[in-house]
Amino acid sequence: MSTGIPLAGWKTQIFESVLGFLPDWVQITVLGLIVLAVLAHWTLKIKRKIAHRRAVRSGQPVHAGAQYGQGRGADYLGQYAAPQPPQPAPVQQRSGADFLGAYAPHQRSQDGSA
């Protein structure tokens, strides 16, 4: 009796149909290699995670992803880098005291007098 609901996804059905044409010993070998590849991937992932934790604990330099403002590969191309667009002048940051008006504390001059 069919319910009309597929029991497996289309990727699984394609995989099973491709393996269905192969002899049994090839099917078992292919499935064994896939399982071995997954286990090797997990092992390497856990091994790298343990090595990373040990390096962090011992204070050794750790390879990490690029941080914001760290630079890009294009920053090291020298004369081969694409020209950079002109940067606007930096805007002086304003503080809350700039908006206090008459209630703002008096500013001292550069010579130290009030």
PDB file of N, CA and C in Angstrom:
ATOM      1  N   MET A   1       0.843  -1.178   0.000  1.00  0.00           N
ATOM      2  CA  MET A   1       0.000   0.000   0.000  1.00  0.00           C
ATOM      3  C   MET A   1       0.884   1.235   0.000  1.00  0.00           C
ATOM      4  N   SER A   2       0.685   2.118  -0.921  1.00  0.00           N
ATOM      5  CA  SER A   2       1.500   3.316  -1.054  1.00  0.00           C
ATOM      6  C   SER A   2       0.756   4.512  -0.482  1.00  0.00           C
ATOM      7  N   THR A   3       1.483   5.332   0.271  1.00  0.00           N
ATOM      8  CA  THR A   3       0.870   6.523   0.856  1.00  0.00           C
ATOM      9  C   THR A   3       1.065   7.750  -0.023  1.00  0.00           C
ATOM     10  N   GLY A   4       1.907   7.652  -1.036  1.00  0.00           N
ATOM     11  CA  GLY A   4       2.151   8.775  -1.922  1.00  0.00           C
ATOM     12  C   GLY A   4       3.226   9.721  -1.419  1.00  0.00           C
ATOM     13  N   ILE A   5       3.809   9.435  -0.266  1.00  0.00           N
ATOM     14  CA  ILE A   5       4.867  10.275   0.290  1.00  0.00           C
ATOM     15  C   ILE A   5       6.203   9.581   0.044  1.00  0.00           C
ATOM     16  N   PRO A   6       7.129  10.240  -0.625  1.00  0.00           N
ATOM     17  CA  PRO A   6       8.430   9.595  -0.847  1.00  0.00           C
ATOM     18  C   PRO A   6       9.156   9.410   0.486  1.00  0.00           C
ATOM     19  N   LEU A   7       9.773   8.246   0.641  1.00  0.00           N
ATOM     20  CA  LEU A   7      10.468   7.934   1.883  1.00  0.00           C
ATOM     21  C   LEU A   7      11.893   8.464   1.901  1.00  0.00           C
ATOM     22  N   ALA A   8      12.434   8.789   0.757  1.00  0.00           N
ATOM     23  CA  ALA A   8      13.798   9.304   0.684  1.00  0.00           C
ATOM     24  C   ALA A   8      13.819  10.519  -0.227  1.00  0.00           C
ATOM     25  N   GLY A   9      14.831  11.349  -0.044  1.00  0.00           N
ATOM     26  CA  GLY A   9      14.991  12.521  -0.883  1.00  0.00           C
ATOM     27  C   GLY A   9      15.470  12.137  -2.270  1.00  0.00           C
ATOM     28  N   TRP A  10      15.437  13.087  -3.176  1.00  0.00           N
ATOM     29  CA  TRP A  10      15.815  12.796  -4.566  1.00  0.00           C
ATOM     30  C   TRP A  10      17.287  12.463  -4.688  1.00  0.00           C
ATOM     31  N   LYS A  11      18.135  13.054  -3.820  1.00  0.00           N
ATOM     32  CA  LYS A  11      19.562  12.739  -3.875  1.00  0.00           C
ATOM     33  C   LYS A  11      19.799  11.284  -3.491  1.00  0.00           C
ATOM     34  N   THR A  12      19.099  10.827  -2.466  1.00  0.00           N
ATOM     35  CA  THR A  12      19.240   9.447  -2.022  1.00  0.00           C
ATOM     36  C   THR A  12      18.745   8.488  -3.094  1.00  0.00           C
ATOM     37  N   GLN A  13      17.646   8.833  -3.741  1.00  0.00           N
ATOM     38  CA  GLN A  13      17.104   7.961  -4.792  1.00  0.00           C
ATOM     39  C   GLN A  13      18.071   7.864  -5.973  1.00  0.00           C
ATOM     40  N   ILE A  14      18.694   8.969  -6.350  1.00  0.00           N
ATOM     41  CA  ILE A  14      19.670   8.937  -7.446  1.00  0.00           C
ATOM     42  C   ILE A  14      20.870   8.100  -7.043  1.00  0.00           C
ATOM     43  N   PHE A  15      21.363   8.293  -5.815  1.00  0.00           N
ATOM     44  CA  PHE A  15      22.511   7.535  -5.327  1.00  0.00           C
ATOM     45  C   PHE A  15      22.211   6.040  -5.337  1.00  0.00           C
ATOM     46  N   GLU A  16      21.030   5.655  -4.849  1.00  0.00           N
ATOM     47  CA  GLU A  16      20.669   4.240  -4.815  1.00  0.00           C
ATOM     48  C   GLU A  16      20.471   3.675  -6.219  1.00  0.00           C
ATOM     49  N   SER A  17      19.942   4.476  -7.144  1.00  0.00           N
ATOM     50  CA  SER A  17      19.752   3.969  -8.502  1.00  0.00           C
ATOM     51  C   SER A  17      21.082   3.776  -9.217  1.00  0.00           C
ATOM     52  N   VAL A  18      22.061   4.649  -8.954  1.00  0.00           N
ATOM     53  CA  VAL A  18      23.386   4.487  -9.561  1.00  0.00           C
ATOM     54  C   VAL A  18      24.067   3.245  -8.990  1.00  0.00           C
ATOM     55  N   LEU A  19      23.987   3.070  -7.672  1.00  0.00           N
ATOM     56  CA  LEU A  19      24.610   1.893  -7.061  1.00  0.00           C
ATOM     57  C   LEU A  19      23.863   0.610  -7.420  1.00  0.00           C
ATOM     58  N   GLY A  20      22.585   0.710  -7.745  1.00  0.00           N
ATOM     59  CA  GLY A  20      21.800  -0.475  -8.082  1.00  0.00           C
ATOM     60  C   GLY A  20      22.284  -1.175  -9.336  1.00  0.00           C
ATOM     61  N   PHE A  21      22.954  -0.461 -10.234  1.00  0.00           N
ATOM     62  CA  PHE A  21      23.461  -1.063 -11.466  1.00  0.00           C
ATOM     63  C   PHE A  21      24.800  -1.765 -11.270  1.00  0.00           C
ATOM     64  N   LEU A  22      25.424  -1.543 -10.132  1.00  0.00           N
ATOM     65  CA  LEU A  22      26.740  -2.115  -9.880  1.00  0.00           C
ATOM     66  C   LEU A  22      26.616  -3.469  -9.184  1.00  0.00           C
ATOM     67  N   PRO A  23      27.615  -4.316  -9.324  1.00  0.00           N
ATOM     68  CA  PRO A  23      27.595  -5.595  -8.600  1.00  0.00           C
ATOM     69  C   PRO A  23      27.674  -5.367  -7.085  1.00  0.00           C
ATOM     70  N   ASP A  24      27.296  -6.369  -6.317  1.00  0.00           N
ATOM     71  CA  ASP A  24      27.240  -6.234  -4.862  1.00  0.00           C
ATOM     72  C   ASP A  24      28.594  -5.877  -4.255  1.00  0.00           C
ATOM     73  N   TRP A  25      29.681  -6.503  -4.724  1.00  0.00           N
ATOM     74  CA  TRP A  25      30.987  -6.243  -4.129  1.00  0.00           C
ATOM     75  C   TRP A  25      31.426  -4.808  -4.370  1.00  0.00           C
ATOM     76  N   VAL A  26      31.016  -4.202  -5.497  1.00  0.00           N
ATOM     77  CA  VAL A  26      31.351  -2.811  -5.782  1.00  0.00           C
ATOM     78  C   VAL A  26      30.510  -1.887  -4.899  1.00  0.00           C
ATOM     79  N   GLN A  27      29.240  -2.239  -4.703  1.00  0.00           N
ATOM     80  CA  GLN A  27      28.379  -1.438  -3.840  1.00  0.00           C
ATOM     81  C   GLN A  27      28.932  -1.376  -2.421  1.00  0.00           C
ATOM     82  N   ILE A  28      29.334  -2.536  -1.904  1.00  0.00           N
ATOM     83  CA  ILE A  28      29.872  -2.595  -0.538  1.00  0.00           C
ATOM     84  C   ILE A  28      31.176  -1.811  -0.452  1.00  0.00           C
ATOM     85  N   THR A  29      32.014  -1.927  -1.464  1.00  0.00           N
ATOM     86  CA  THR A  29      33.282  -1.192  -1.472  1.00  0.00           C
ATOM     87  C   THR A  29      33.045   0.314  -1.507  1.00  0.00           C
ATOM     88  N   VAL A  30      32.133   0.775  -2.361  1.00  0.00           N
ATOM     89  CA  VAL A  30      31.843   2.204  -2.470  1.00  0.00           C
ATOM     90  C   VAL A  30      31.273   2.732  -1.160  1.00  0.00           C
ATOM     91  N   LEU A  31      30.330   2.024  -0.575  1.00  0.00           N
ATOM     92  CA  LEU A  31      29.751   2.458   0.695  1.00  0.00           C
ATOM     93  C   LEU A  31      30.803   2.463   1.801  1.00  0.00           C
ATOM     94  N   GLY A  32      31.680   1.464   1.805  1.00  0.00           N
ATOM     95  CA  GLY A  32      32.768   1.420   2.791  1.00  0.00           C
ATOM     96  C   GLY A  32      33.717   2.600   2.639  1.00  0.00           C
ATOM     97  N   LEU A  33      34.033   2.967   1.395  1.00  0.00           N
ATOM     98  CA  LEU A  33      34.919   4.115   1.161  1.00  0.00           C
ATOM     99  C   LEU A  33      34.261   5.426   1.592  1.00  0.00           C
ATOM    100  N   ILE A  34      32.964   5.531   1.376  1.00  0.00           N
ATOM    101  CA  ILE A  34      32.250   6.745   1.796  1.00  0.00           C
ATOM    102  C   ILE A  34      32.259   6.846   3.317  1.00  0.00           C
ATOM    103  N   VAL A  35      31.981   5.743   3.996  1.00  0.00           N
ATOM    104  CA  VAL A  35      32.010   5.744   5.466  1.00  0.00           C
ATOM    105  C   VAL A  35      33.409   6.068   5.962  1.00  0.00           C
ATOM    106  N   LEU A  36      34.426   5.496   5.342  1.00  0.00           N
ATOM    107  CA  LEU A  36      35.814   5.768   5.724  1.00  0.00           C
ATOM    108  C   LEU A  36      36.161   7.240   5.525  1.00  0.00           C
ATOM    109  N   ALA A  37      35.701   7.841   4.435  1.00  0.00           N
ATOM    110  CA  ALA A  37      35.978   9.256   4.187  1.00  0.00           C
ATOM    111  C   ALA A  37      35.305  10.141   5.231  1.00  0.00           C
ATOM    112  N   VAL A  38      34.073   9.807   5.614  1.00  0.00           N
ATOM    113  CA  VAL A  38      33.372  10.591   6.636  1.00  0.00           C
ATOM    114  C   VAL A  38      34.088  10.474   7.975  1.00  0.00           C
ATOM    115  N   LEU A  39      34.484   9.264   8.346  1.00  0.00           N
ATOM    116  CA  LEU A  39      35.202   9.072   9.611  1.00  0.00           C
ATOM    117  C   LEU A  39      36.549   9.795   9.609  1.00  0.00           C
ATOM    118  N   ALA A  40      37.260   9.772   8.488  1.00  0.00           N
ATOM    119  CA  ALA A  40      38.543  10.477   8.399  1.00  0.00           C
ATOM    120  C   ALA A  40      38.338  11.984   8.524  1.00  0.00           C
ATOM    121  N   HIS A  41      37.286  12.498   7.918  1.00  0.00           N
ATOM    122  CA  HIS A  41      36.984  13.928   8.022  1.00  0.00           C
ATOM    123  C   HIS A  41      36.709  14.312   9.471  1.00  0.00           C
ATOM    124  N   TRP A  42      35.893  13.528  10.162  1.00  0.00           N
ATOM    125  CA  TRP A  42      35.585  13.806  11.565  1.00  0.00           C
ATOM    126  C   TRP A  42      36.844  13.728  12.427  1.00  0.00           C
ATOM    127  N   THR A  43      37.686  12.730  12.163  1.00  0.00           N
ATOM    128  CA  THR A  43      38.919  12.568  12.939  1.00  0.00           C
ATOM    129  C   THR A  43      39.828  13.773  12.762  1.00  0.00           C
ATOM    130  N   LEU A  44      40.026  14.222  11.528  1.00  0.00           N
ATOM    131  CA  LEU A  44      40.881  15.379  11.279  1.00  0.00           C
ATOM    132  C   LEU A  44      40.302  16.643  11.905  1.00  0.00           C
ATOM    133  N   LYS A  45      38.993  16.784  11.857  1.00  0.00           N
ATOM    134  CA  LYS A  45      38.340  17.953  12.432  1.00  0.00           C
ATOM    135  C   LYS A  45      38.551  17.988  13.945  1.00  0.00           C
ATOM    136  N   ILE A  46      38.374  16.843  14.611  1.00  0.00           N
ATOM    137  CA  ILE A  46      38.578  16.778  16.062  1.00  0.00           C
ATOM    138  C   ILE A  46      40.046  16.998  16.403  1.00  0.00           C
ATOM    139  N   LYS A  47      40.936  16.438  15.605  1.00  0.00           N
ATOM    140  CA  LYS A  47      42.380  16.593  15.839  1.00  0.00           C
ATOM    141  C   LYS A  47      42.795  18.066  15.729  1.00  0.00           C
ATOM    142  N   ARG A  48      42.277  18.775  14.718  1.00  0.00           N
ATOM    143  CA  ARG A  48      42.585  20.200  14.561  1.00  0.00           C
ATOM    144  C   ARG A  48      42.027  21.024  15.716  1.00  0.00           C
ATOM    145  N   LYS A  49      40.830  20.661  16.179  1.00  0.00           N
ATOM    146  CA  LYS A  49      40.213  21.382  17.286  1.00  0.00           C
ATOM    147  C   LYS A  49      41.045  21.214  18.562  1.00  0.00           C
ATOM    148  N   ILE A  50      41.526  19.986  18.818  1.00  0.00           N
ATOM    149  CA  ILE A  50      42.355  19.737  19.995  1.00  0.00           C
ATOM    150  C   ILE A  50      43.673  20.493  19.878  1.00  0.00           C
ATOM    151  N   ALA A  51      44.294  20.468  18.700  1.00  0.00           N
ATOM    152  CA  ALA A  51      45.554  21.197  18.503  1.00  0.00           C
ATOM    153  C   ALA A  51      45.350  22.696  18.692  1.00  0.00           C
ATOM    154  N   HIS A  52      44.236  23.234  18.236  1.00  0.00           N
ATOM    155  CA  HIS A  52      43.944  24.655  18.390  1.00  0.00           C
ATOM    156  C   HIS A  52      43.802  25.004  19.869  1.00  0.00           C
ATOM    157  N   ARG A  53      43.071  24.177  20.615  1.00  0.00           N
ATOM    158  CA  ARG A  53      42.888  24.441  22.048  1.00  0.00           C
ATOM    159  C   ARG A  53      44.213  24.384  22.797  1.00  0.00           C
ATOM    160  N   ARG A  54      45.062  23.412  22.461  1.00  0.00           N
ATOM    161  CA  ARG A  54      46.366  23.305  23.127  1.00  0.00           C
ATOM    162  C   ARG A  54      47.233  24.517  22.806  1.00  0.00           C
ATOM    163  N   ALA A  55      47.194  24.981  21.573  1.00  0.00           N
ATOM    164  CA  ALA A  55      47.991  26.142  21.188  1.00  0.00           C
ATOM    165  C   ALA A  55      47.510  27.387  21.915  1.00  0.00           C
ATOM    166  N   VAL A  56      46.202  27.554  22.055  1.00  0.00           N
ATOM    167  CA  VAL A  56      45.663  28.719  22.743  1.00  0.00           C
ATOM    168  C   VAL A  56      46.061  28.694  24.211  1.00  0.00           C
ATOM    169  N   ARG A  57      45.976  27.519  24.841  1.00  0.00           N
ATOM    170  CA  ARG A  57      46.322  27.399  26.259  1.00  0.00           C
ATOM    171  C   ARG A  57      47.797  27.655  26.515  1.00  0.00           C
ATOM    172  N   SER A  58      48.653  27.227  25.592  1.00  0.00           N
ATOM    173  CA  SER A  58      50.097  27.395  25.805  1.00  0.00           C
ATOM    174  C   SER A  58      50.602  28.753  25.333  1.00  0.00           C
ATOM    175  N   GLY A  59      49.743  29.557  24.742  1.00  0.00           N
ATOM    176  CA  GLY A  59      50.132  30.895  24.318  1.00  0.00           C
ATOM    177  C   GLY A  59      50.838  30.946  22.984  1.00  0.00           C
ATOM    178  N   GLN A  60      50.799  29.877  22.218  1.00  0.00           N
ATOM    179  CA  GLN A  60      51.430  29.869  20.904  1.00  0.00           C
ATOM    180  C   GLN A  60      50.556  30.633  19.914  1.00  0.00           C
ATOM    181  N   PRO A  61      51.169  31.188  18.865  1.00  0.00           N
ATOM    182  CA  PRO A  61      50.359  31.881  17.863  1.00  0.00           C
ATOM    183  C   PRO A  61      49.427  30.901  17.161  1.00  0.00           C
ATOM    184  N   VAL A  62      48.210  31.334  16.946  1.00  0.00           N
ATOM    185  CA  VAL A  62      47.192  30.476  16.352  1.00  0.00           C
ATOM    186  C   VAL A  62      46.729  31.106  15.058  1.00  0.00           C
ATOM    187  N   HIS A  63      46.610  30.284  14.020  1.00  0.00           N
ATOM    188  CA  HIS A  63      46.077  30.776  12.754  1.00  0.00           C
ATOM    189  C   HIS A  63      44.582  30.973  12.922  1.00  0.00           C
ATOM    190  N   ALA A  64      44.119  32.175  12.698  1.00  0.00           N
ATOM    191  CA  ALA A  64      42.697  32.474  12.833  1.00  0.00           C
ATOM    192  C   ALA A  64      42.234  33.204  11.583  1.00  0.00           C
ATOM    193  N   GLY A  65      40.958  33.340  11.436  1.00  0.00           N
ATOM    194  CA  GLY A  65      40.397  34.065  10.312  1.00  0.00           C
ATOM    195  C   GLY A  65      40.767  35.537  10.386  1.00  0.00           C
ATOM    196  N   ALA A  66      40.700  36.199   9.281  1.00  0.00           N
ATOM    197  CA  ALA A  66      41.050  37.618   9.235  1.00  0.00           C
ATOM    198  C   ALA A  66      40.083  38.427  10.088  1.00  0.00           C
ATOM    199  N   GLN A  67      40.625  39.343  10.837  1.00  0.00           N
ATOM    200  CA  GLN A  67      39.821  40.216  11.673  1.00  0.00           C
ATOM    201  C   GLN A  67      39.491  41.479  10.890  1.00  0.00           C
ATOM    202  N   TYR A  68      38.498  42.222  11.364  1.00  0.00           N
ATOM    203  CA  TYR A  68      38.104  43.452  10.704  1.00  0.00           C
ATOM    204  C   TYR A  68      39.264  44.440  10.741  1.00  0.00           C
ATOM    205  N   GLY A  69      39.613  45.013   9.606  1.00  0.00           N
ATOM    206  CA  GLY A  69      40.680  45.993   9.531  1.00  0.00           C
ATOM    207  C   GLY A  69      42.069  45.384   9.450  1.00  0.00           C
ATOM    208  N   GLN A  70      42.172  44.079   9.341  1.00  0.00           N
ATOM    209  CA  GLN A  70      43.475  43.419   9.322  1.00  0.00           C
ATOM    210  C   GLN A  70      44.171  43.578   7.973  1.00  0.00           C
ATOM    211  N   GLY A  71      43.445  43.784   6.949  1.00  0.00           N
ATOM    212  CA  GLY A  71      44.043  43.911   5.626  1.00  0.00           C
ATOM    213  C   GLY A  71      43.591  42.779   4.726  1.00  0.00           C
ATOM    214  N   ARG A  72      43.893  42.908   3.450  1.00  0.00           N
ATOM    215  CA  ARG A  72      43.491  41.903   2.481  1.00  0.00           C
ATOM    216  C   ARG A  72      44.714  41.521   1.660  1.00  0.00           C
ATOM    217  N   GLY A  73      44.539  40.539   0.825  1.00  0.00           N
ATOM    218  CA  GLY A  73      45.627  40.132  -0.045  1.00  0.00           C
ATOM    219  C   GLY A  73      46.006  41.240  -1.015  1.00  0.00           C
ATOM    220  N   ALA A  74      45.033  42.059  -1.411  1.00  0.00           N
ATOM    221  CA  ALA A  74      45.305  43.144  -2.346  1.00  0.00           C
ATOM    222  C   ALA A  74      46.185  44.215  -1.717  1.00  0.00           C
ATOM    223  N   ASP A  75      46.256  44.262  -0.390  1.00  0.00           N
ATOM    224  CA  ASP A  75      47.084  45.259   0.268  1.00  0.00           C
ATOM    225  C   ASP A  75      48.572  44.967   0.094  1.00  0.00           C
ATOM    226  N   TYR A  76      48.915  43.758  -0.307  1.00  0.00           N
ATOM    227  CA  TYR A  76      50.319  43.354  -0.397  1.00  0.00           C
ATOM    228  C   TYR A  76      50.769  43.157  -1.841  1.00  0.00           C
ATOM    229  N   LEU A  77      49.998  43.643  -2.810  1.00  0.00           N
ATOM    230  CA  LEU A  77      50.346  43.446  -4.205  1.00  0.00           C
ATOM    231  C   LEU A  77      51.313  44.498  -4.731  1.00  0.00           C
ATOM    232  N   GLY A  78      51.520  45.541  -3.974  1.00  0.00           N
ATOM    233  CA  GLY A  78      52.462  46.576  -4.394  1.00  0.00           C
ATOM    234  C   GLY A  78      52.007  47.277  -5.655  1.00  0.00           C
ATOM    235  N   GLN A  79      52.905  47.352  -6.642  1.00  0.00           N
ATOM    236  CA  GLN A  79      52.592  48.074  -7.875  1.00  0.00           C
ATOM    237  C   GLN A  79      51.526  47.371  -8.707  1.00  0.00           C
ATOM    238  N   TYR A  80      51.232  46.103  -8.410  1.00  0.00           N
ATOM    239  CA  TYR A  80      50.238  45.371  -9.179  1.00  0.00           C
ATOM    240  C   TYR A  80      48.823  45.527  -8.619  1.00  0.00           C
ATOM    241  N   ALA A  81      48.694  46.189  -7.508  1.00  0.00           N
ATOM    242  CA  ALA A  81      47.379  46.378  -6.894  1.00  0.00           C
ATOM    243  C   ALA A  81      46.563  47.386  -7.693  1.00  0.00           C
ATOM    244  N   ALA A  82      45.259  47.202  -7.646  1.00  0.00           N
ATOM    245  CA  ALA A  82      44.362  48.155  -8.306  1.00  0.00           C
ATOM    246  C   ALA A  82      44.420  49.485  -7.565  1.00  0.00           C
ATOM    247  N   PRO A  83      44.294  50.595  -8.279  1.00  0.00           N
ATOM    248  CA  PRO A  83      44.347  51.888  -7.594  1.00  0.00           C
ATOM    249  C   PRO A  83      43.191  52.037  -6.615  1.00  0.00           C
ATOM    250  N   GLN A  84      43.498  52.613  -5.456  1.00  0.00           N
ATOM    251  CA  GLN A  84      42.487  52.807  -4.424  1.00  0.00           C
ATOM    252  C   GLN A  84      41.740  54.113  -4.667  1.00  0.00           C
ATOM    253  N   PRO A  85      40.426  54.128  -4.448  1.00  0.00           N
ATOM    254  CA  PRO A  85      39.686  55.383  -4.582  1.00  0.00           C
ATOM    255  C   PRO A  85      40.108  56.338  -3.465  1.00  0.00           C
ATOM    256  N   PRO A  86      40.030  57.642  -3.704  1.00  0.00           N
ATOM    257  CA  PRO A  86      40.447  58.595  -2.668  1.00  0.00           C
ATOM    258  C   PRO A  86      39.553  58.466  -1.441  1.00  0.00           C
ATOM    259  N   GLN A  87      40.189  58.531  -0.270  1.00  0.00           N
ATOM    260  CA  GLN A  87      39.464  58.414   0.988  1.00  0.00           C
ATOM    261  C   GLN A  87      39.030  59.801   1.446  1.00  0.00           C
ATOM    262  N   PRO A  88      37.802  59.938   1.945  1.00  0.00           N
ATOM    263  CA  PRO A  88      37.374  61.245   2.454  1.00  0.00           C
ATOM    264  C   PRO A  88      38.136  61.583   3.738  1.00  0.00           C
ATOM    265  N   ALA A  89      38.220  62.877   4.013  1.00  0.00           N
ATOM    266  CA  ALA A  89      38.911  63.312   5.226  1.00  0.00           C
ATOM    267  C   ALA A  89      38.155  62.788   6.437  1.00  0.00           C
ATOM    268  N   PRO A  90      38.891  62.347   7.474  1.00  0.00           N
ATOM    269  CA  PRO A  90      38.202  61.813   8.642  1.00  0.00           C
ATOM    270  C   PRO A  90      37.395  62.900   9.345  1.00  0.00           C
ATOM    271  N   VAL A  91      36.220  62.538   9.784  1.00  0.00           N
ATOM    272  CA  VAL A  91      35.335  63.464  10.468  1.00  0.00           C
ATOM    273  C   VAL A  91      35.714  63.484  11.941  1.00  0.00           C
ATOM    274  N   GLN A  92      35.853  64.694  12.487  1.00  0.00           N
ATOM    275  CA  GLN A  92      36.203  64.809  13.887  1.00  0.00           C
ATOM    276  C   GLN A  92      35.011  64.339  14.718  1.00  0.00           C
ATOM    277  N   GLN A  93      35.283  63.452  15.673  1.00  0.00           N
ATOM    278  CA  GLN A  93      34.194  62.931  16.472  1.00  0.00           C
ATOM    279  C   GLN A  93      33.724  63.983  17.458  1.00  0.00           C
ATOM    280  N   ARG A  94      32.430  64.012  17.626  1.00  0.00           N
ATOM    281  CA  ARG A  94      31.842  64.980  18.534  1.00  0.00           C
ATOM    282  C   ARG A  94      31.441  64.267  19.809  1.00  0.00           C
ATOM    283  N   SER A  95      31.471  64.980  20.896  1.00  0.00           N
ATOM    284  CA  SER A  95      31.069  64.401  22.170  1.00  0.00           C
ATOM    285  C   SER A  95      29.702  64.953  22.566  1.00  0.00           C
ATOM    286  N   GLY A  96      29.177  64.431  23.650  1.00  0.00           N
ATOM    287  CA  GLY A  96      27.889  64.908  24.140  1.00  0.00           C
ATOM    288  C   GLY A  96      27.946  66.362  24.578  1.00  0.00           C
ATOM    289  N   ALA A  97      29.120  66.822  25.020  1.00  0.00           N
ATOM    290  CA  ALA A  97      29.262  68.201  25.477  1.00  0.00           C
ATOM    291  C   ALA A  97      29.106  69.196  24.329  1.00  0.00           C
ATOM    292  N   ASP A  98      29.271  68.762  23.098  1.00  0.00           N
ATOM    293  CA  ASP A  98      29.126  69.658  21.963  1.00  0.00           C
ATOM    294  C   ASP A  98      27.680  70.118  21.781  1.00  0.00           C
ATOM    295  N   PHE A  99      26.745  69.386  22.368  1.00  0.00           N
ATOM    296  CA  PHE A  99      25.341  69.699  22.186  1.00  0.00           C
ATOM    297  C   PHE A  99      24.696  70.291  23.445  1.00  0.00           C
ATOM    298  N   LEU A 100      25.500  70.569  24.464  1.00  0.00           N
ATOM    299  CA  LEU A 100      24.950  71.078  25.721  1.00  0.00           C
ATOM    300  C   LEU A 100      24.712  72.577  25.710  1.00  0.00           C
ATOM    301  N   GLY A 101      25.316  73.263  24.790  1.00  0.00           N
ATOM    302  CA  GLY A 101      25.123  74.708  24.691  1.00  0.00           C
ATOM    303  C   GLY A 101      25.655  75.426  25.924  1.00  0.00           C
ATOM    304  N   ALA A 102      24.809  76.240  26.559  1.00  0.00           N
ATOM    305  CA  ALA A 102      25.222  77.035  27.724  1.00  0.00           C
ATOM    306  C   ALA A 102      25.528  76.156  28.924  1.00  0.00           C
ATOM    307  N   TYR A 103      25.056  74.923  28.924  1.00  0.00           N
ATOM    308  CA  TYR A 103      25.269  74.030  30.066  1.00  0.00           C
ATOM    309  C   TYR A 103      26.577  73.251  29.956  1.00  0.00           C
ATOM    310  N   ALA A 104      27.288  73.405  28.861  1.00  0.00           N
ATOM    311  CA  ALA A 104      28.549  72.687  28.674  1.00  0.00           C
ATOM    312  C   ALA A 104      29.616  73.250  29.597  1.00  0.00           C
ATOM    313  N   PRO A 105      30.524  72.404  30.095  1.00  0.00           N
ATOM    314  CA  PRO A 105      31.614  72.921  30.934  1.00  0.00           C
ATOM    315  C   PRO A 105      32.526  73.806  30.098  1.00  0.00           C
ATOM    316  N   HIS A 106      33.167  74.750  30.762  1.00  0.00           N
ATOM    317  CA  HIS A 106      34.057  75.662  30.049  1.00  0.00           C
ATOM    318  C   HIS A 106      35.276  74.925  29.530  1.00  0.00           C
ATOM    319  N   GLN A 107      35.651  75.223  28.305  1.00  0.00           N
ATOM    320  CA  GLN A 107      36.820  74.612  27.700  1.00  0.00           C
ATOM    321  C   GLN A 107      38.073  75.336  28.130  1.00  0.00           C
ATOM    322  N   ARG A 108      39.086  74.583  28.478  1.00  0.00           N
ATOM    323  CA  ARG A 108      40.367  75.212  28.821  1.00  0.00           C
ATOM    324  C   ARG A 108      41.147  75.449  27.532  1.00  0.00           C
ATOM    325  N   SER A 109      41.878  76.512  27.544  1.00  0.00           N
ATOM    326  CA  SER A 109      42.691  76.809  26.367  1.00  0.00           C
ATOM    327  C   SER A 109      43.952  75.949  26.411  1.00  0.00           C
ATOM    328  N   GLN A 110      44.699  75.944  25.324  1.00  0.00           N
ATOM    329  CA  GLN A 110      45.881  75.111  25.196  1.00  0.00           C
ATOM    330  C   GLN A 110      47.006  75.531  26.146  1.00  0.00           C
ATOM    331  N   ASP A 111      47.050  76.812  26.539  1.00  0.00           N
ATOM    332  CA  ASP A 111      48.143  77.276  27.384  1.00  0.00           C
ATOM    333  C   ASP A 111      47.920  76.962  28.862  1.00  0.00           C
ATOM    334  N   GLY A 112      46.822  76.332  29.219  1.00  0.00           N
ATOM    335  CA  GLY A 112      46.581  75.890  30.578  1.00  0.00           C
ATOM    336  C   GLY A 112      45.738  76.848  31.395  1.00  0.00           C
ATOM    337  N   SER A 113      45.457  78.042  30.923  1.00  0.00           N
ATOM    338  CA  SER A 113      44.635  78.980  31.688  1.00  0.00           C
ATOM    339  C   SER A 113      43.168  78.736  31.384  1.00  0.00           C
ATOM    340  N   ALA A 114      42.315  79.118  32.321  1.00  0.00           N
ATOM    341  CA  ALA A 114      40.893  78.874  32.169  1.00  0.00           C
ATOM    342  C   ALA A 114      40.189  79.934  31.374  1.00  0.00           C
TER     343      ALA A 114
END
